């Protein structure tokens, strides 16, 4: 009978049975592989934990940017604090991390620029407020002058002009005295 008919392999093609020493070496090698795999898994989980801590730390650093901006803007408009809440700043910081990594930005690298913004913003806001108030004051004065003329306060203005003409035009001027300018421009 042939191998096909019986379904058994001839004895000469069979693998020799491993010795006890070979079996122990194989078990030791498998054990070493399992230990190495466990160590890789533990290292991977530690790496992931480290990355998560780094992400959280970096997100916290970036969250400080809108928080700082919000606190500076709150000097001018206290209600802005409702916009720059800690939760909103934290969400912004978490969203900023991937973009910062993509472009190689770092909060630490932005230190001197951020310091300049911190120093400039209160001055800029203060100057803007002063200029705005001055503009409003001037516009108010112009509105007042137009309004006083339109409501008939013109007689009071005419009376003021007549008093100035009688007294020589203003404080410290003599009545009916004309100013003479000589060739060098000096007034006498």
N, C-alpha and C. Protein backbone atom coordinates (compact mmCIF):
# COMPACT_ATOMS: atom_id res chain seq x y z
N UNK A 1 0.82 -1.16 0.00
CA UNK A 1 0.00 0.00 0.00
C UNK A 1 0.87 1.24 0.00
N UNK A 2 0.31 2.29 -0.58
CA UNK A 2 1.04 3.56 -0.66
C UNK A 2 0.55 4.51 0.43
N UNK A 3 1.20 5.63 0.50
CA UNK A 3 0.87 6.64 1.51
C UNK A 3 -0.53 7.18 1.29
N UNK A 4 -0.96 7.31 0.04
CA UNK A 4 -2.28 7.81 -0.26
C UNK A 4 -3.36 6.86 0.22
N UNK A 5 -3.09 5.63 0.12
CA UNK A 5 -4.11 4.65 0.48
C UNK A 5 -4.27 4.54 1.98
N UNK A 6 -3.22 4.62 2.73
CA UNK A 6 -3.32 4.45 4.18
C UNK A 6 -3.49 5.77 4.90
N UNK A 7 -3.02 6.88 4.31
CA UNK A 7 -3.12 8.20 4.93
C UNK A 7 -2.07 8.43 5.98
N UNK A 8 -1.11 7.56 6.12
CA UNK A 8 -0.05 7.73 7.11
C UNK A 8 1.24 8.06 6.41
N UNK A 9 2.07 8.82 7.04
CA UNK A 9 3.36 9.19 6.46
C UNK A 9 4.35 8.09 6.77
N UNK A 10 5.26 7.84 5.86
CA UNK A 10 6.27 6.84 6.15
C UNK A 10 7.13 7.28 7.34
N UNK A 11 7.62 6.41 8.09
CA UNK A 11 8.38 6.66 9.30
C UNK A 11 9.67 7.40 9.01
N UNK A 12 10.21 7.24 7.84
CA UNK A 12 11.47 7.90 7.55
C UNK A 12 11.32 9.41 7.38
N UNK A 13 10.12 9.95 7.02
CA UNK A 13 9.91 11.38 6.84
C UNK A 13 9.47 12.07 8.14
N UNK A 14 9.22 11.37 9.19
CA UNK A 14 8.75 11.95 10.44
C UNK A 14 9.86 12.73 11.11
N UNK A 15 9.49 13.92 11.77
CA UNK A 15 10.47 14.74 12.47
C UNK A 15 10.86 14.04 13.75
N UNK A 16 12.12 14.12 14.09
CA UNK A 16 12.53 13.46 15.33
C UNK A 16 11.93 14.19 16.51
N UNK A 17 11.60 13.53 17.52
CA UNK A 17 11.02 14.11 18.73
C UNK A 17 12.08 14.97 19.39
N UNK A 18 11.69 16.20 19.87
CA UNK A 18 12.68 17.08 20.48
C UNK A 18 13.15 16.49 21.81
N UNK A 19 14.37 16.81 22.10
CA UNK A 19 14.91 16.33 23.36
C UNK A 19 14.37 17.20 24.49
N UNK A 20 14.57 16.78 25.69
CA UNK A 20 14.09 17.52 26.86
C UNK A 20 14.78 18.87 26.94
N UNK A 21 16.05 18.91 26.62
CA UNK A 21 16.80 20.16 26.65
C UNK A 21 16.27 21.13 25.61
N UNK A 22 15.97 20.64 24.42
CA UNK A 22 15.44 21.49 23.36
C UNK A 22 14.06 22.03 23.75
N UNK A 23 13.25 21.21 24.37
CA UNK A 23 11.92 21.63 24.80
C UNK A 23 12.04 22.71 25.87
N UNK A 24 12.96 22.58 26.81
CA UNK A 24 13.17 23.57 27.85
C UNK A 24 13.68 24.88 27.25
N UNK A 25 14.57 24.80 26.24
CA UNK A 25 15.07 26.01 25.57
C UNK A 25 13.94 26.73 24.85
N UNK A 26 13.08 25.94 24.20
CA UNK A 26 11.94 26.52 23.48
C UNK A 26 11.00 27.21 24.46
N UNK A 27 10.71 26.61 25.58
CA UNK A 27 9.82 27.19 26.59
C UNK A 27 10.46 28.46 27.17
N UNK A 28 11.77 28.44 27.40
CA UNK A 28 12.47 29.61 27.93
C UNK A 28 12.43 30.76 26.92
N UNK A 29 12.60 30.43 25.62
CA UNK A 29 12.55 31.45 24.57
C UNK A 29 11.16 32.05 24.47
N UNK A 30 10.13 31.20 24.55
CA UNK A 30 8.75 31.69 24.51
C UNK A 30 8.46 32.57 25.73
N UNK A 31 8.96 32.17 26.86
CA UNK A 31 8.78 32.96 28.08
C UNK A 31 9.47 34.31 27.96
N UNK A 32 10.68 34.32 27.39
CA UNK A 32 11.41 35.57 27.19
C UNK A 32 10.66 36.47 26.20
N UNK A 33 10.07 35.89 25.15
CA UNK A 33 9.28 36.66 24.18
C UNK A 33 8.05 37.27 24.85
N UNK A 34 7.37 36.48 25.68
CA UNK A 34 6.19 36.99 26.38
C UNK A 34 6.58 38.13 27.32
N UNK A 35 7.70 38.00 28.01
CA UNK A 35 8.18 39.06 28.91
C UNK A 35 8.50 40.32 28.12
N UNK A 36 9.15 40.14 26.98
CA UNK A 36 9.49 41.28 26.14
C UNK A 36 8.22 41.96 25.61
N UNK A 37 7.23 41.16 25.22
CA UNK A 37 5.97 41.72 24.74
C UNK A 37 5.26 42.48 25.85
N UNK A 38 5.30 41.92 27.07
CA UNK A 38 4.70 42.62 28.22
C UNK A 38 5.43 43.93 28.48
N UNK A 39 6.76 43.91 28.38
CA UNK A 39 7.55 45.12 28.61
C UNK A 39 7.24 46.17 27.55
N UNK A 40 7.08 45.74 26.30
CA UNK A 40 6.73 46.67 25.22
C UNK A 40 5.34 47.25 25.48
N UNK A 41 4.41 46.41 25.88
CA UNK A 41 3.05 46.89 26.19
C UNK A 41 3.06 47.88 27.34
N UNK A 42 3.83 47.57 28.39
CA UNK A 42 3.92 48.48 29.53
C UNK A 42 4.59 49.79 29.10
N UNK A 43 5.63 49.73 28.29
CA UNK A 43 6.31 50.93 27.81
C UNK A 43 5.37 51.75 26.93
N UNK A 44 4.58 51.06 26.12
CA UNK A 44 3.62 51.76 25.27
C UNK A 44 2.58 52.47 26.11
N UNK A 45 2.09 51.81 27.14
CA UNK A 45 1.08 52.46 27.99
C UNK A 45 1.70 53.63 28.76
N UNK A 46 2.96 53.48 29.22
CA UNK A 46 3.64 54.60 29.89
C UNK A 46 3.85 55.75 28.91
N UNK A 47 4.22 55.43 27.67
CA UNK A 47 4.42 56.45 26.65
C UNK A 47 3.12 57.19 26.37
N UNK A 48 2.03 56.44 26.26
CA UNK A 48 0.73 57.08 26.03
C UNK A 48 0.34 57.96 27.20
N UNK A 49 0.62 57.51 28.42
CA UNK A 49 0.31 58.32 29.60
C UNK A 49 1.16 59.59 29.61
N UNK A 50 2.44 59.45 29.25
CA UNK A 50 3.32 60.61 29.17
C UNK A 50 2.83 61.59 28.11
N UNK A 51 2.44 61.07 26.96
CA UNK A 51 1.92 61.93 25.89
C UNK A 51 0.65 62.63 26.33
N UNK A 52 -0.22 61.93 27.04
CA UNK A 52 -1.46 62.54 27.54
C UNK A 52 -1.13 63.66 28.53
N UNK A 53 -0.15 63.41 29.43
CA UNK A 53 0.25 64.46 30.38
C UNK A 53 0.86 65.65 29.64
N UNK A 54 1.69 65.35 28.63
CA UNK A 54 2.30 66.43 27.85
C UNK A 54 1.24 67.23 27.10
N UNK A 55 0.26 66.52 26.52
CA UNK A 55 -0.83 67.20 25.82
C UNK A 55 -1.60 68.10 26.78
N UNK A 56 -1.89 67.58 27.97
CA UNK A 56 -2.64 68.36 28.96
C UNK A 56 -1.83 69.57 29.41
N UNK A 57 -0.53 69.38 29.61
CA UNK A 57 0.32 70.49 30.02
C UNK A 57 0.41 71.55 28.93
N UNK A 58 0.59 71.10 27.71
CA UNK A 58 0.68 72.03 26.58
C UNK A 58 -0.65 72.74 26.36
N UNK A 59 -1.75 72.02 26.50
CA UNK A 59 -3.08 72.64 26.37
C UNK A 59 -3.27 73.69 27.46
N UNK A 60 -2.79 73.40 28.66
CA UNK A 60 -2.90 74.36 29.76
C UNK A 60 -2.07 75.61 29.48
N UNK A 61 -0.88 75.43 28.90
CA UNK A 61 -0.05 76.58 28.54
C UNK A 61 -0.75 77.44 27.49
N UNK A 62 -1.31 76.78 26.47
CA UNK A 62 -1.99 77.54 25.42
C UNK A 62 -3.27 78.18 25.94
N UNK A 63 -3.93 77.56 26.91
CA UNK A 63 -5.16 78.13 27.48
C UNK A 63 -4.85 79.43 28.22
N UNK A 64 -3.62 79.59 28.65
CA UNK A 64 -3.23 80.83 29.34
C UNK A 64 -3.27 82.03 28.40
N UNK A 65 -3.10 81.81 27.10
CA UNK A 65 -3.09 82.92 26.14
C UNK A 65 -4.44 83.63 26.10
N UNK A 66 -5.56 82.93 25.82
CA UNK A 66 -6.83 83.65 25.83
C UNK A 66 -7.23 84.12 27.23
N UNK A 67 -6.81 83.39 28.24
CA UNK A 67 -7.11 83.81 29.61
C UNK A 67 -6.46 85.16 29.91
N UNK A 68 -5.21 85.31 29.51
CA UNK A 68 -4.50 86.57 29.70
C UNK A 68 -5.14 87.69 28.88
N UNK A 69 -5.48 87.39 27.66
CA UNK A 69 -6.13 88.38 26.80
C UNK A 69 -7.47 88.79 27.41
N UNK A 70 -8.24 87.83 27.89
CA UNK A 70 -9.53 88.13 28.51
C UNK A 70 -9.37 88.99 29.74
N UNK A 71 -8.37 88.71 30.56
CA UNK A 71 -8.18 89.52 31.76
C UNK A 71 -7.77 90.95 31.41
N UNK A 72 -7.00 91.12 30.34
CA UNK A 72 -6.63 92.47 29.92
C UNK A 72 -7.83 93.21 29.34
N UNK A 73 -8.65 92.53 28.55
CA UNK A 73 -9.83 93.17 27.99
C UNK A 73 -10.86 93.49 29.07
N UNK A 74 -10.87 92.71 30.14
CA UNK A 74 -11.81 92.95 31.24
C UNK A 74 -11.51 94.25 31.96
N UNK A 75 -10.31 94.79 31.79
CA UNK A 75 -10.00 96.10 32.35
C UNK A 75 -10.92 97.13 31.75
N UNK A 76 -11.15 97.02 30.47
CA UNK A 76 -12.00 97.97 29.75
C UNK A 76 -13.47 97.59 29.82
N UNK A 77 -13.76 96.32 29.60
CA UNK A 77 -15.14 95.85 29.57
C UNK A 77 -15.28 94.64 30.49
N UNK A 78 -15.68 94.84 31.73
CA UNK A 78 -15.75 93.73 32.69
C UNK A 78 -16.63 92.56 32.24
N UNK A 79 -17.62 92.82 31.41
CA UNK A 79 -18.50 91.74 30.96
C UNK A 79 -17.81 90.74 30.04
N UNK A 80 -16.62 91.08 29.55
CA UNK A 80 -15.90 90.15 28.67
C UNK A 80 -15.48 88.89 29.43
N UNK A 81 -15.47 88.96 30.75
CA UNK A 81 -15.13 87.78 31.56
C UNK A 81 -16.12 86.65 31.33
N UNK A 82 -17.33 86.98 30.90
CA UNK A 82 -18.32 85.94 30.60
C UNK A 82 -17.96 85.16 29.34
N UNK A 83 -17.14 85.73 28.50
CA UNK A 83 -16.71 85.07 27.26
C UNK A 83 -15.46 84.23 27.51
N UNK A 84 -14.50 84.80 28.24
CA UNK A 84 -13.22 84.13 28.48
C UNK A 84 -13.28 83.32 29.78
N UNK A 85 -14.19 82.37 29.84
CA UNK A 85 -14.33 81.52 31.02
C UNK A 85 -13.19 80.51 31.05
N UNK A 86 -12.88 79.94 32.21
CA UNK A 86 -11.83 78.92 32.26
C UNK A 86 -12.11 77.74 31.33
N UNK A 87 -13.37 77.32 31.24
CA UNK A 87 -13.71 76.20 30.35
C UNK A 87 -13.48 76.57 28.88
N UNK A 88 -13.87 77.78 28.51
CA UNK A 88 -13.66 78.22 27.12
C UNK A 88 -12.18 78.34 26.80
N UNK A 89 -11.42 78.86 27.73
CA UNK A 89 -9.97 79.00 27.52
C UNK A 89 -9.30 77.62 27.43
N UNK A 90 -9.76 76.67 28.27
CA UNK A 90 -9.20 75.31 28.23
C UNK A 90 -9.53 74.64 26.90
N UNK A 91 -10.74 74.83 26.42
CA UNK A 91 -11.12 74.24 25.12
C UNK A 91 -10.29 74.86 24.00
N UNK A 92 -10.07 76.16 24.06
CA UNK A 92 -9.25 76.82 23.05
C UNK A 92 -7.82 76.30 23.11
N UNK A 93 -7.29 76.14 24.32
CA UNK A 93 -5.93 75.64 24.48
C UNK A 93 -5.77 74.24 23.92
N UNK A 94 -6.77 73.37 24.18
CA UNK A 94 -6.71 72.00 23.65
C UNK A 94 -6.76 72.00 22.12
N UNK A 95 -7.54 72.91 21.56
CA UNK A 95 -7.63 72.99 20.10
C UNK A 95 -6.37 73.61 19.50
N UNK A 96 -5.67 74.42 20.26
CA UNK A 96 -4.47 75.08 19.75
C UNK A 96 -3.27 74.15 19.68
N UNK A 97 -3.26 73.10 20.49
CA UNK A 97 -2.09 72.20 20.56
C UNK A 97 -1.75 71.58 19.21
N UNK A 98 -2.71 70.94 18.50
CA UNK A 98 -2.33 70.34 17.21
C UNK A 98 -1.85 71.38 16.19
N UNK A 99 -2.46 72.55 16.19
CA UNK A 99 -2.04 73.59 15.25
C UNK A 99 -0.63 74.07 15.60
N UNK A 100 -0.38 74.25 16.90
CA UNK A 100 0.94 74.69 17.34
C UNK A 100 2.00 73.66 16.97
N UNK A 101 1.68 72.40 17.13
CA UNK A 101 2.64 71.36 16.76
C UNK A 101 2.87 71.33 15.25
N UNK A 102 1.81 71.53 14.50
CA UNK A 102 1.93 71.51 13.04
C UNK A 102 2.89 72.60 12.56
N UNK A 103 2.80 73.79 13.15
CA UNK A 103 3.62 74.90 12.71
C UNK A 103 4.87 75.12 13.56
N UNK A 104 5.07 74.29 14.56
CA UNK A 104 6.25 74.39 15.40
C UNK A 104 6.20 75.56 16.38
N UNK A 105 5.00 75.98 16.77
CA UNK A 105 4.86 77.09 17.71
C UNK A 105 5.01 76.57 19.13
N UNK A 106 5.41 77.45 19.99
CA UNK A 106 5.55 77.11 21.40
C UNK A 106 5.22 78.34 22.23
N UNK A 107 4.52 78.14 23.32
CA UNK A 107 4.22 79.26 24.20
C UNK A 107 5.51 79.84 24.76
N UNK A 108 6.46 78.97 25.03
CA UNK A 108 7.75 79.43 25.57
C UNK A 108 8.47 80.31 24.57
N UNK A 109 8.38 79.99 23.29
CA UNK A 109 9.03 80.80 22.26
C UNK A 109 8.33 82.13 22.06
N UNK A 110 7.07 82.20 22.47
CA UNK A 110 6.31 83.43 22.30
C UNK A 110 6.44 84.34 23.51
N UNK A 111 7.28 84.01 24.46
CA UNK A 111 7.38 84.74 25.72
C UNK A 111 7.63 86.23 25.56
N UNK A 112 8.64 86.61 24.78
CA UNK A 112 8.94 88.03 24.66
C UNK A 112 7.85 88.77 23.90
N UNK A 113 7.26 88.13 22.89
CA UNK A 113 6.17 88.76 22.15
C UNK A 113 4.95 88.94 23.05
N UNK A 114 4.65 87.92 23.84
CA UNK A 114 3.52 88.01 24.76
C UNK A 114 3.76 89.11 25.79
N UNK A 115 4.98 89.25 26.26
CA UNK A 115 5.32 90.32 27.19
C UNK A 115 5.09 91.69 26.57
N UNK A 116 5.44 91.83 25.31
CA UNK A 116 5.21 93.09 24.62
C UNK A 116 3.72 93.39 24.51
N UNK A 117 2.93 92.37 24.18
CA UNK A 117 1.48 92.57 24.09
C UNK A 117 0.92 92.96 25.45
N UNK A 118 1.37 92.27 26.49
CA UNK A 118 0.89 92.56 27.84
C UNK A 118 1.23 93.99 28.24
N UNK A 119 2.40 94.46 27.87
CA UNK A 119 2.80 95.82 28.21
C UNK A 119 2.10 96.85 27.35
N UNK A 120 1.82 96.52 26.10
CA UNK A 120 1.24 97.48 25.17
C UNK A 120 -0.26 97.61 25.30
N UNK A 121 -0.95 96.53 25.54
CA UNK A 121 -2.41 96.56 25.51
C UNK A 121 -3.02 97.54 26.50
N UNK A 122 -2.62 97.59 27.76
CA UNK A 122 -3.23 98.59 28.65
C UNK A 122 -2.99 100.03 28.19
N UNK A 123 -1.79 100.29 27.64
CA UNK A 123 -1.52 101.63 27.14
C UNK A 123 -2.39 101.94 25.92
N UNK A 124 -2.51 100.98 25.03
CA UNK A 124 -3.32 101.18 23.83
C UNK A 124 -4.79 101.39 24.19
N UNK A 125 -5.28 100.61 25.13
CA UNK A 125 -6.68 100.76 25.54
C UNK A 125 -6.88 102.11 26.21
N UNK A 126 -5.96 102.50 27.08
CA UNK A 126 -6.06 103.80 27.75
C UNK A 126 -6.02 104.95 26.75
N UNK A 127 -5.11 104.88 25.79
CA UNK A 127 -5.02 105.94 24.78
C UNK A 127 -6.28 105.98 23.94
N UNK A 128 -6.80 104.82 23.59
CA UNK A 128 -8.03 104.78 22.81
C UNK A 128 -9.18 105.41 23.58
N UNK A 129 -9.27 105.15 24.87
CA UNK A 129 -10.35 105.73 25.68
C UNK A 129 -10.21 107.25 25.75
N UNK A 130 -9.00 107.75 25.94
CA UNK A 130 -8.79 109.19 26.01
C UNK A 130 -9.16 109.85 24.69
N UNK A 131 -8.71 109.26 23.58
CA UNK A 131 -9.03 109.82 22.26
C UNK A 131 -10.52 109.78 21.99
N UNK A 132 -11.16 108.69 22.37
CA UNK A 132 -12.61 108.58 22.18
C UNK A 132 -13.34 109.64 23.01
N UNK A 133 -12.92 109.81 24.26
CA UNK A 133 -13.57 110.80 25.12
C UNK A 133 -13.36 112.21 24.59
N UNK A 134 -12.16 112.49 24.09
CA UNK A 134 -11.89 113.82 23.52
C UNK A 134 -12.74 114.06 22.28
N UNK A 135 -12.84 113.06 21.44
CA UNK A 135 -13.69 113.19 20.25
C UNK A 135 -15.14 113.44 20.66
N UNK A 136 -15.62 112.70 21.65
CA UNK A 136 -17.00 112.89 22.11
C UNK A 136 -17.19 114.28 22.70
N UNK A 137 -16.18 114.77 23.45
CA UNK A 137 -16.27 116.10 24.03
C UNK A 137 -16.35 117.16 22.95
N UNK A 138 -15.49 117.01 21.94
CA UNK A 138 -15.51 118.00 20.84
C UNK A 138 -16.81 117.95 20.06
N UNK A 139 -17.27 116.74 19.78
CA UNK A 139 -18.54 116.62 19.06
C UNK A 139 -19.68 117.21 19.89
N UNK A 140 -19.63 117.00 21.19
CA UNK A 140 -20.65 117.56 22.08
C UNK A 140 -20.61 119.07 22.08
N UNK A 141 -19.40 119.65 22.08
CA UNK A 141 -19.28 121.10 22.05
C UNK A 141 -19.82 121.66 20.75
N UNK A 142 -19.50 121.02 19.64
CA UNK A 142 -20.01 121.46 18.35
C UNK A 142 -21.53 121.35 18.30
N UNK A 143 -22.07 120.26 18.83
CA UNK A 143 -23.54 120.11 18.88
C UNK A 143 -24.15 121.19 19.76
N UNK A 144 -23.50 121.50 20.87
CA UNK A 144 -24.01 122.54 21.77
C UNK A 144 -24.04 123.89 21.06
N UNK A 145 -22.95 124.23 20.36
CA UNK A 145 -22.91 125.52 19.66
C UNK A 145 -24.00 125.60 18.61
N UNK A 146 -24.17 124.55 17.84
CA UNK A 146 -25.21 124.56 16.81
C UNK A 146 -26.60 124.64 17.44
N UNK A 147 -26.77 123.91 18.51
CA UNK A 147 -28.06 123.88 19.18
C UNK A 147 -28.38 125.24 19.80
N UNK A 148 -27.39 125.88 20.43
CA UNK A 148 -27.63 127.17 21.08
C UNK A 148 -27.98 128.22 20.04
N UNK A 149 -27.39 128.17 18.85
CA UNK A 149 -27.74 129.11 17.79
C UNK A 149 -29.13 128.82 17.27
N UNK A 150 -29.49 127.54 17.19
CA UNK A 150 -30.79 127.21 16.62
C UNK A 150 -31.95 127.48 17.57
N UNK A 151 -31.70 127.50 18.88
CA UNK A 151 -32.81 127.74 19.81
C UNK A 151 -32.94 129.20 20.21
N UNK A 152 -32.19 130.06 19.58
CA UNK A 152 -32.34 131.48 19.84
C UNK A 152 -31.42 132.02 20.91
N UNK A 153 -30.33 131.38 21.11
CA UNK A 153 -29.36 131.87 22.07
C UNK A 153 -28.43 132.88 21.38
N UNK A 154 -28.75 133.23 20.13
CA UNK A 154 -27.94 134.17 19.36
C UNK A 154 -27.89 135.54 20.02
N UNK A 155 -28.96 136.05 20.63
CA UNK A 155 -28.85 137.35 21.28
C UNK A 155 -27.79 137.35 22.39
N UNK A 156 -27.68 136.26 23.13
CA UNK A 156 -26.67 136.19 24.18
C UNK A 156 -25.27 136.21 23.56
N UNK A 157 -25.12 135.57 22.41
CA UNK A 157 -23.83 135.57 21.75
C UNK A 157 -23.50 136.97 21.20
N UNK A 158 -24.52 137.66 20.66
CA UNK A 158 -24.30 139.03 20.17
C UNK A 158 -23.93 139.96 21.32
N UNK A 159 -24.57 139.78 22.45
CA UNK A 159 -24.26 140.62 23.61
C UNK A 159 -22.82 140.38 24.06
N UNK A 160 -22.37 139.13 24.01
CA UNK A 160 -20.99 138.81 24.38
C UNK A 160 -20.02 139.50 23.44
N UNK A 161 -20.33 139.48 22.13
CA UNK A 161 -19.45 140.12 21.15
C UNK A 161 -19.41 141.64 21.37
N UNK A 162 -20.55 142.24 21.70
CA UNK A 162 -20.59 143.68 21.96
C UNK A 162 -19.74 144.03 23.18
N UNK A 163 -19.83 143.20 24.24
CA UNK A 163 -19.02 143.45 25.43
C UNK A 163 -17.54 143.37 25.11
N UNK A 164 -17.18 142.39 24.27
CA UNK A 164 -15.77 142.26 23.89
C UNK A 164 -15.31 143.47 23.09
N UNK A 165 -16.17 143.97 22.20
CA UNK A 165 -15.81 145.14 21.39
C UNK A 165 -15.63 146.37 22.27
N UNK A 166 -16.49 146.53 23.26
CA UNK A 166 -16.41 147.68 24.16
C UNK A 166 -15.16 147.63 25.03
N UNK A 167 -14.79 146.39 25.46
CA UNK A 167 -13.65 146.28 26.36
C UNK A 167 -12.33 146.11 25.63
N UNK A 168 -12.33 146.17 24.36
CA UNK A 168 -11.10 146.05 23.60
C UNK A 168 -10.90 144.63 23.08
N UNK A 169 -11.86 143.79 23.19
CA UNK A 169 -11.80 142.48 22.56
C UNK A 169 -11.53 141.33 23.50
N UNK A 170 -11.03 141.53 24.65
CA UNK A 170 -10.79 140.39 25.52
C UNK A 170 -10.08 140.79 26.79
N UNK A 171 -9.73 139.86 27.56
CA UNK A 171 -9.09 140.10 28.84
C UNK A 171 -7.71 140.69 28.61
N UNK A 172 -7.40 141.75 29.35
CA UNK A 172 -6.07 142.35 29.27
C UNK A 172 -5.89 143.32 28.13
N UNK A 173 -6.93 143.62 27.37
CA UNK A 173 -6.81 144.57 26.27
C UNK A 173 -7.47 145.89 26.68
N UNK A 174 -6.90 146.92 26.23
CA UNK A 174 -7.43 148.25 26.54
C UNK A 174 -8.53 148.59 25.54
N UNK A 175 -9.57 149.24 25.98
CA UNK A 175 -10.63 149.63 25.04
C UNK A 175 -10.13 150.69 24.07
N UNK A 176 -10.58 150.60 22.85
CA UNK A 176 -10.31 151.54 21.77
C UNK A 176 -8.82 151.73 21.50
N UNK A 177 -7.98 150.73 21.78
CA UNK A 177 -6.55 150.80 21.48
C UNK A 177 -6.27 149.80 20.36
N UNK A 178 -5.63 150.27 19.31
CA UNK A 178 -5.31 149.41 18.18
C UNK A 178 -3.88 148.91 18.32
N UNK A 179 -3.64 147.72 17.86
CA UNK A 179 -2.30 147.16 17.89
C UNK A 179 -1.58 147.54 16.63
N UNK A 180 -0.35 148.06 16.78
CA UNK A 180 0.46 148.48 15.65
C UNK A 180 1.63 147.51 15.54
N UNK A 181 1.85 146.99 14.35
CA UNK A 181 2.94 146.07 14.11
C UNK A 181 4.00 146.78 13.32
N UNK A 182 5.22 146.80 13.86
CA UNK A 182 6.33 147.45 13.19
C UNK A 182 7.01 146.50 12.21
N UNK A 183 7.99 146.92 11.52
CA UNK A 183 8.65 146.16 10.47
C UNK A 183 9.20 144.82 10.89
N UNK A 184 9.67 144.67 12.11
CA UNK A 184 10.24 143.38 12.51
C UNK A 184 9.17 142.44 13.04
N UNK A 185 7.94 142.84 13.08
CA UNK A 185 6.85 141.98 13.51
C UNK A 185 6.52 142.12 14.97
N UNK A 186 7.25 142.96 15.71
CA UNK A 186 6.95 143.14 17.12
C UNK A 186 5.75 144.05 17.28
N UNK A 187 4.87 143.70 18.19
CA UNK A 187 3.67 144.52 18.41
C UNK A 187 3.95 145.53 19.50
N UNK A 188 3.34 146.70 19.34
CA UNK A 188 3.54 147.73 20.37
C UNK A 188 2.19 148.15 20.91
